[in-house]
Amino acid sequence: MSAPQSVSGPRATPPAERAPLPDVLRGLALLGILCVNAQDFAGYAEWTQRSADRGAQIIIDLLLNGKFISVFAMLFGAGAFTLLERGGKNLLLRRLAVLLLVGTLHYVLVWHGDIIGNYAVVGAALVLLERARPRLLVIVGALSGVGWTLGFLGSVGSLVGLRQLPAVVSAGQTYLDIASARVHQVLPALSSVVGFDGFWLLALFCFGGALYRSGVLWWPQQHRPALMWMLTLGLGGGLPLSLLLAIFNTQDSYSAEVWGLLARLGGGLALALAYIGGVGLLTASGKLGWLTAFAASGRLALSNYLVQSLIMTTLFYPYGLNLYGQWGALPALLLALSLGLAQVWVSNLYLRRFSAGPAEWLIRKLVYGWR
């Protein structure tokens, strides 16, 4: 399912050999994730939103919250199995080690909400499934998801602050003060997130690996029935759960936190599959149209993700414009949409001259060597 490798060893996939569907999905996911992360950057609580802000929050919960992060995680899993096929365990572990370094630096220097390091740690478990077929990956993913759910339900009552807003530093602290504090927080934060979300992330990675190894992502025209099932069942299960999430997010209570998280993950997975199915059917029919533009931002996903963090923290955090806590859901959503769509435009311009983004170029050099 991947391009033949030269005798000198594995190499990064050239642009001409890239399948369009994963890049388009990755670009769309990047925009959707930014719209959800805007709540964390801006510092507003879902259950306090009123009027137009509440309407914006409902749209976020129905269509975005939990959905595109699930798409992104599945694509990460698909990419991991691509590396396993092209270069084996050593290539994957080498890339994950580099991503862990990038994620750690991102956390310390830019933003506490980094996901790169979390993905790198959990992704290492995929080496145990190097030769797994799609059916086994689905089974492992389902068992991992069920295991996470049972573990979560068993710990209900002892969990606190499931949707707690970050403790943004006071205006008197400098950037160096903030970065120094995060140096001591990075390992506890990484272990906490991986310990809590690890099995759910593994489930998403396995589902993504199954989509890759079955050929759905690379040759959607050959898998129209599967894509239609994903679209239909995903919408049928995802929309009701997402509506429940929107309802729970209007309530400030512990039970709303618990049930809201379950609705977010379950509805997020279901609608993520629906989005993949829908975009896959458009790709198979040659009807992507304007959505094709998102392939460029998808190819530069890591660079765009890091730039998003830089811009948003500069706008909202004390060492920048200090707007934290002053914006509601609607202006934060409009800002995120504007920034994300601007990145799509800039990415298309950038790729007319360059073949990879700055972060992607650096990671490829570190993983594949400098030759």
Protein backbone atom coordinates (compact mmCIF):
# COMPACT_ATOMS: atom_id res chain seq x y z
CA MET A 1 0.00 0.00 0.00
CA SER A 2 2.98 2.29 -0.01
CA ALA A 3 5.51 3.29 -2.60
CA PRO A 4 8.48 0.97 -3.10
CA GLN A 5 11.57 2.01 -1.18
CA SER A 6 15.03 2.50 -2.60
CA VAL A 7 17.86 0.19 -1.62
CA SER A 8 19.32 2.97 0.56
CA GLY A 9 16.41 2.71 2.99
CA PRO A 10 13.07 4.33 3.69
CA ARG A 11 12.38 7.90 2.63
CA ALA A 12 9.70 10.53 3.13
CA THR A 13 6.77 10.32 0.71
CA PRO A 14 7.25 12.76 -2.23
CA PRO A 15 4.30 15.11 -2.91
CA ALA A 16 3.45 13.39 -6.19
CA GLU A 17 2.93 10.07 -4.37
CA ARG A 18 0.65 11.41 -1.63
CA ALA A 19 -3.00 10.30 -1.55
CA PRO A 20 -5.32 13.34 -1.51
CA LEU A 21 -7.92 12.12 1.01
CA PRO A 22 -5.70 11.99 4.14
CA ASP A 23 -4.29 15.46 3.44
CA VAL A 24 -7.74 17.01 2.91
CA LEU A 25 -9.04 15.36 6.09
CA ARG A 26 -5.98 16.50 8.02
CA GLY A 27 -6.46 20.09 6.83
CA LEU A 28 -10.14 20.07 7.80
CA ALA A 29 -9.29 18.52 11.17
CA LEU A 30 -6.70 21.20 11.84
CA LEU A 31 -9.34 23.92 11.37
CA GLY A 32 -11.91 22.09 13.49
CA ILE A 33 -9.42 21.52 16.32
CA LEU A 34 -8.48 25.20 16.37
CA CYS A 35 -12.15 26.19 16.68
CA VAL A 36 -12.49 23.94 19.74
CA ASN A 37 -9.13 24.92 21.23
CA ALA A 38 -10.16 28.58 20.99
CA GLN A 39 -12.13 28.03 24.20
CA ASP A 40 -8.94 27.08 26.03
CA PHE A 41 -6.94 29.92 24.50
CA ALA A 42 -9.62 32.56 25.19
CA GLY A 43 -10.55 31.26 28.65
CA TYR A 44 -14.34 31.07 28.59
CA ALA A 45 -16.47 28.39 30.26
CA GLU A 46 -19.06 26.62 28.08
CA TRP A 47 -21.82 26.66 30.68
CA THR A 48 -21.59 30.44 31.20
CA GLN A 49 -22.32 31.37 27.56
CA ARG A 50 -25.46 33.37 26.78
CA SER A 51 -27.30 34.68 23.69
CA ALA A 52 -25.13 34.57 20.54
CA ASP A 53 -22.23 33.05 22.45
CA ARG A 54 -24.43 30.15 23.52
CA GLY A 55 -25.52 29.64 19.92
CA ALA A 56 -21.88 29.50 18.85
CA GLN A 57 -21.13 27.00 21.62
CA ILE A 58 -23.99 24.77 20.48
CA ILE A 59 -22.59 24.77 16.93
CA ILE A 60 -19.15 23.89 18.28
CA ASP A 61 -20.52 21.00 20.34
CA LEU A 62 -22.75 19.67 17.56
CA LEU A 63 -20.25 19.75 14.71
CA LEU A 64 -16.70 20.17 16.04
CA ASN A 65 -16.09 19.25 19.67
CA GLY A 66 -14.47 15.82 19.85
CA LYS A 67 -15.02 15.17 16.14
CA PHE A 68 -11.99 16.58 14.41
CA ILE A 69 -9.56 15.61 17.16
CA SER A 70 -10.79 12.04 16.56
CA VAL A 71 -10.21 12.42 12.81
CA PHE A 72 -6.73 13.75 13.50
CA ALA A 73 -5.90 10.89 15.88
CA MET A 74 -7.07 8.29 13.38
CA LEU A 75 -4.93 9.89 10.69
CA PHE A 76 -1.98 9.79 13.10
CA GLY A 77 -2.58 6.06 13.49
CA ALA A 78 -2.78 5.63 9.72
CA GLY A 79 0.53 7.47 9.37
CA ALA A 80 2.13 5.29 12.03
CA PHE A 81 1.22 2.13 10.15
CA THR A 82 2.50 3.69 6.94
CA LEU A 83 5.89 4.08 8.63
CA LEU A 84 5.76 0.53 9.96
CA GLU A 85 5.26 -0.82 6.44
CA ARG A 86 7.95 1.35 4.89
CA GLY A 87 10.67 1.15 7.52
CA GLY A 88 9.59 -1.10 10.38
CA LYS A 89 9.66 -0.48 14.10
CA ASN A 90 12.89 1.48 14.13
CA LEU A 91 11.59 4.10 11.71
CA LEU A 92 8.36 4.58 13.66
CA LEU A 93 10.12 4.79 17.02
CA ARG A 94 12.64 7.25 15.60
CA ARG A 95 9.85 9.52 14.39
CA LEU A 96 7.95 9.22 17.67
CA ALA A 97 11.07 10.17 19.61
CA VAL A 98 11.45 13.30 17.48
CA LEU A 99 7.78 14.15 17.93
CA LEU A 100 8.10 13.71 21.68
CA LEU A 101 10.92 16.24 21.67
CA VAL A 102 8.87 18.66 19.56
CA GLY A 103 5.85 18.21 21.79
CA THR A 104 7.87 18.81 24.93
CA LEU A 105 9.32 22.03 23.52
CA HIS A 106 5.87 23.12 22.37
CA TYR A 107 4.48 22.55 25.86
CA VAL A 108 7.27 24.36 27.66
CA LEU A 109 7.82 27.25 25.28
CA VAL A 110 4.37 27.90 23.84
CA TRP A 111 1.20 26.20 25.12
CA HIS A 112 0.17 23.80 27.87
CA GLY A 113 -2.38 22.08 25.60
CA ASP A 114 0.13 20.22 23.42
CA ILE A 115 -1.06 16.90 21.96
CA ILE A 116 2.09 15.98 20.01
CA GLY A 117 3.93 14.51 22.99
CA ASN A 118 0.84 12.55 24.08
CA TYR A 119 0.49 11.01 20.62
CA ALA A 120 4.17 10.12 20.53
CA VAL A 121 4.07 8.24 23.84
CA VAL A 122 0.87 6.31 23.14
CA GLY A 123 1.88 5.66 19.53
CA ALA A 124 4.85 3.60 20.68
CA ALA A 125 2.40 0.82 21.59
CA LEU A 126 1.62 0.36 17.90
CA VAL A 127 4.93 -1.44 17.33
CA LEU A 128 3.25 -4.43 19.00
CA LEU A 129 0.71 -4.44 16.16
CA GLU A 130 3.20 -4.10 13.32
CA ARG A 131 1.75 -6.96 11.26
CA ALA A 132 -1.86 -6.74 12.43
CA ARG A 133 -4.56 -6.97 9.76
CA PRO A 134 -7.48 -4.51 9.63
CA ARG A 135 -9.88 -6.83 11.47
CA LEU A 136 -7.48 -7.34 14.36
CA LEU A 137 -6.85 -3.59 14.56
CA VAL A 138 -10.60 -2.94 14.80
CA ILE A 139 -10.90 -5.56 17.55
CA VAL A 140 -7.96 -4.13 19.50
CA GLY A 141 -9.35 -0.63 19.05
CA ALA A 142 -12.79 -1.66 20.26
CA LEU A 143 -11.38 -3.47 23.30
CA SER A 144 -9.18 -0.49 24.10
CA GLY A 145 -12.15 1.89 23.87
CA VAL A 146 -14.33 -0.33 26.02
CA GLY A 147 -11.50 -0.70 28.52
CA TRP A 148 -11.12 3.06 28.76
CA THR A 149 -14.87 3.51 29.26
CA LEU A 150 -15.07 0.90 32.02
CA GLY A 151 -12.05 2.39 33.74
CA PHE A 152 -13.56 5.86 33.54
CA LEU A 153 -16.93 4.76 34.91
CA GLY A 154 -15.17 2.91 37.71
CA SER A 155 -13.35 6.07 38.75
CA VAL A 156 -16.37 8.38 38.67
CA GLY A 157 -16.62 10.14 41.99
CA SER A 158 -12.87 10.49 42.42
CA LEU A 159 -12.26 12.61 39.31
CA VAL A 160 -12.23 16.38 39.58
CA GLY A 161 -11.85 19.22 37.11
CA LEU A 162 -12.58 17.25 33.92
CA ARG A 163 -13.19 20.48 32.01
CA GLN A 164 -11.30 22.83 34.29
CA LEU A 165 -9.91 25.95 32.63
CA PRO A 166 -6.13 26.36 32.66
CA ALA A 167 -4.51 28.34 35.46
CA VAL A 168 -3.26 31.24 33.35
CA VAL A 169 -0.47 33.15 35.01
CA SER A 170 -0.95 36.58 36.52
CA ALA A 171 -0.09 39.74 34.63
CA GLY A 172 2.99 40.27 36.78
CA GLN A 173 4.75 37.16 35.52
CA THR A 174 7.08 37.30 32.56
CA TYR A 175 7.33 34.83 29.70
CA LEU A 176 10.49 33.39 31.28
CA ASP A 177 8.62 32.84 34.54
CA ILE A 178 5.92 30.92 32.68
CA ALA A 179 8.36 28.78 30.67
CA SER A 180 10.39 27.99 33.79
CA ALA A 181 7.27 26.79 35.60
CA ARG A 182 6.30 24.57 32.68
CA VAL A 183 9.69 22.86 32.75
CA HIS A 184 8.65 21.34 36.07
CA GLN A 185 5.10 20.63 34.90
CA VAL A 186 5.76 18.92 31.58
CA LEU A 187 6.44 15.37 32.81
CA PRO A 188 3.57 15.27 35.36
CA ALA A 189 1.21 16.72 32.75
CA LEU A 190 2.32 14.21 30.11
CA SER A 191 1.93 11.23 32.45
CA SER A 192 -1.45 12.49 33.63
CA VAL A 193 -2.89 12.94 30.16
CA VAL A 194 -1.45 9.67 28.83
CA GLY A 195 -2.68 7.84 31.91
CA PHE A 196 -6.19 9.21 31.50
CA ASP A 197 -6.58 9.23 27.70
CA GLY A 198 -4.06 6.57 26.68
CA PHE A 199 -6.45 3.71 25.93
CA TRP A 200 -8.85 5.99 24.07
CA LEU A 201 -6.04 7.36 21.92
CA LEU A 202 -4.83 3.83 21.25
CA ALA A 203 -8.34 2.92 20.09
CA LEU A 204 -8.39 5.82 17.63
CA PHE A 205 -4.89 4.97 16.38
CA CYS A 206 -5.98 1.38 15.74
CA PHE A 207 -9.10 2.46 13.87
CA GLY A 208 -6.95 4.74 11.73
CA GLY A 209 -4.55 1.90 11.09
CA ALA A 210 -7.45 -0.28 9.98
CA LEU A 211 -8.60 2.41 7.55
CA TYR A 212 -5.07 2.58 6.14
CA ARG A 213 -4.45 -1.15 5.84
CA SER A 214 -7.86 -1.79 4.29
CA GLY A 215 -7.07 0.83 1.64
CA VAL A 216 -10.06 3.06 2.48
CA LEU A 217 -7.96 6.20 2.91
CA TRP A 218 -5.68 5.63 -0.07
CA TRP A 219 -8.16 4.22 -2.62
CA PRO A 220 -11.62 5.47 -1.61
CA GLN A 221 -13.02 4.80 -5.08
CA GLN A 222 -12.65 1.08 -4.34
CA HIS A 223 -14.45 1.29 -1.00
CA ARG A 224 -17.64 3.25 -1.64
CA PRO A 225 -19.92 0.84 0.30
CA ALA A 226 -17.70 1.05 3.39
CA LEU A 227 -17.58 4.84 3.16
CA MET A 228 -21.37 5.00 2.82
CA TRP A 229 -21.76 2.83 5.93
CA MET A 230 -19.38 5.10 7.83
CA LEU A 231 -21.34 8.17 6.77
CA THR A 232 -24.77 6.74 7.56
CA LEU A 233 -24.01 5.02 10.85
CA GLY A 234 -21.75 7.85 11.97
CA LEU A 235 -24.46 10.45 11.48
CA GLY A 236 -27.08 8.22 13.10
CA GLY A 237 -25.02 7.72 16.24
CA GLY A 238 -23.00 10.92 16.32
CA LEU A 239 -25.67 13.59 16.00
CA PRO A 240 -27.79 12.45 19.00
CA LEU A 241 -24.69 12.14 21.20
CA SER A 242 -23.47 15.54 20.07
CA LEU A 243 -26.84 17.04 20.93
CA LEU A 244 -26.50 15.53 24.41
CA LEU A 245 -23.03 17.09 24.67
CA ALA A 246 -24.48 20.51 23.81
CA ILE A 247 -27.10 20.06 26.52
CA PHE A 248 -24.58 18.92 29.14
CA ASN A 249 -22.31 21.85 28.31
CA THR A 250 -25.01 24.28 29.39
CA GLN A 251 -24.89 22.86 32.93
CA ASP A 252 -22.36 23.54 35.66
CA SER A 253 -22.40 20.27 37.60
CA TYR A 254 -20.20 17.26 38.16
CA SER A 255 -22.67 14.86 36.54
CA ALA A 256 -22.79 17.11 33.46
CA GLU A 257 -18.99 16.92 33.28
CA VAL A 258 -19.04 13.12 33.45
CA TRP A 259 -21.83 12.47 30.96
CA GLY A 260 -20.63 15.31 28.75
CA LEU A 261 -17.21 13.71 28.43
CA LEU A 262 -18.72 10.35 27.46
CA ALA A 263 -21.00 12.05 24.92
CA ARG A 264 -18.05 14.02 23.57
CA LEU A 265 -15.89 10.94 23.00
CA GLY A 266 -18.66 8.66 21.68
CA GLY A 267 -20.23 11.31 19.48
CA GLY A 268 -16.82 12.52 18.42
CA LEU A 269 -15.79 9.08 17.19
CA ALA A 270 -19.11 8.50 15.40
CA LEU A 271 -19.15 11.84 13.59
CA ALA A 272 -15.44 11.54 12.81
CA LEU A 273 -16.21 8.34 10.92
CA ALA A 274 -19.10 10.13 9.21
CA TYR A 275 -16.83 12.99 8.14
CA ILE A 276 -14.25 10.54 6.80
CA GLY A 277 -17.00 8.67 4.97
CA GLY A 278 -18.50 11.82 3.48
CA VAL A 279 -15.22 13.36 2.34
CA GLY A 280 -14.10 9.94 1.11
CA LEU A 281 -17.20 9.61 -1.09
CA LEU A 282 -16.60 13.08 -2.52
CA THR A 283 -12.99 12.11 -3.24
CA ALA A 284 -14.05 8.85 -4.90
CA SER A 285 -16.48 10.76 -7.12
CA GLY A 286 -14.00 13.51 -8.00
CA LYS A 287 -16.26 16.13 -6.39
CA LEU A 288 -14.09 17.57 -3.65
CA GLY A 289 -14.24 21.01 -5.26
CA TRP A 290 -13.13 23.80 -2.91
CA LEU A 291 -12.33 21.23 -0.21
CA THR A 292 -9.21 20.35 -2.23
CA ALA A 293 -7.63 23.55 -0.89
CA PHE A 294 -7.45 21.96 2.57
CA ALA A 295 -4.91 19.43 1.30
CA ALA A 296 -2.24 22.14 1.45
CA SER A 297 -2.84 22.96 5.12
CA GLY A 298 -3.01 19.22 5.78
CA ARG A 299 0.45 18.72 4.26
CA LEU A 300 1.76 21.47 6.58
CA ALA A 301 -0.27 20.31 9.57
CA LEU A 302 2.50 20.42 12.18
CA SER A 303 3.80 23.81 11.10
CA ASN A 304 0.28 25.21 11.07
CA TYR A 305 -0.51 23.70 14.47
CA LEU A 306 2.55 25.33 16.02
CA VAL A 307 1.77 28.69 14.39
CA GLN A 308 -1.79 28.51 15.76
CA SER A 309 -0.43 28.14 19.29
CA LEU A 310 2.01 31.02 18.84
CA ILE A 311 -0.64 33.40 17.51
CA MET A 312 -3.40 32.48 19.97
CA THR A 313 -1.23 32.58 23.08
CA THR A 314 0.22 35.91 21.97
CA LEU A 315 -3.28 37.32 21.67
CA PHE A 316 -4.72 35.98 24.91
CA TYR A 317 -1.91 35.39 27.38
CA PRO A 318 -0.44 37.99 29.78
CA TYR A 319 2.85 38.37 27.91
CA GLY A 320 0.87 39.33 24.77
CA LEU A 321 -2.35 41.30 24.43
CA ASN A 322 -3.73 39.77 27.65
CA LEU A 323 -7.26 39.16 26.31
CA TYR A 324 -7.76 35.97 28.34
CA GLY A 325 -11.22 35.73 29.87
CA GLN A 326 -12.55 38.74 27.93
CA TRP A 327 -14.02 36.94 24.90
CA GLY A 328 -17.03 34.64 24.62
CA ALA A 329 -17.63 31.68 22.32
CA LEU A 330 -18.78 33.60 19.25
CA PRO A 331 -15.82 36.00 18.80
CA ALA A 332 -13.39 33.21 19.71
CA LEU A 333 -14.99 30.94 17.08
CA LEU A 334 -14.90 33.68 14.43
CA LEU A 335 -11.25 34.37 15.20
CA ALA A 336 -10.39 30.67 14.94
CA LEU A 337 -12.22 30.32 11.63
CA SER A 338 -10.46 33.39 10.25
CA LEU A 339 -7.03 32.19 11.32
CA GLY A 340 -7.62 28.64 10.13
CA LEU A 341 -8.90 29.69 6.71
CA ALA A 342 -6.03 32.15 6.35
CA GLN A 343 -3.65 29.26 6.98
CA VAL A 344 -5.31 27.30 4.17
CA TRP A 345 -4.68 30.21 1.79
CA VAL A 346 -1.10 30.75 2.96
CA SER A 347 -0.36 27.01 2.80
CA ASN A 348 -1.42 26.86 -0.84
CA LEU A 349 0.81 29.82 -1.67
CA TYR A 350 3.71 28.35 0.29
CA LEU A 351 3.54 24.96 -1.46
CA ARG A 352 3.86 26.61 -4.85
CA ARG A 353 7.49 27.20 -3.96
CA PHE A 354 8.38 24.71 -1.25
CA SER A 355 7.62 21.00 -0.87
CA ALA A 356 7.42 20.88 2.94
CA GLY A 357 6.76 23.19 5.87
CA PRO A 358 9.56 24.24 8.25
CA ALA A 359 8.53 21.82 11.00
CA GLU A 360 7.91 18.99 8.53
CA TRP A 361 11.30 19.61 6.88
CA LEU A 362 13.13 19.51 10.20
CA ILE A 363 11.40 16.33 11.35
CA ARG A 364 12.13 14.58 8.05
CA LYS A 365 15.80 15.48 8.37
CA LEU A 366 15.96 14.20 11.94
CA VAL A 367 14.10 11.00 11.08
CA TYR A 368 15.51 10.12 7.66
CA GLY A 369 18.90 11.80 7.88
CA TRP A 370 20.40 14.92 6.36
CA ARG A 371 21.38 13.47 2.99
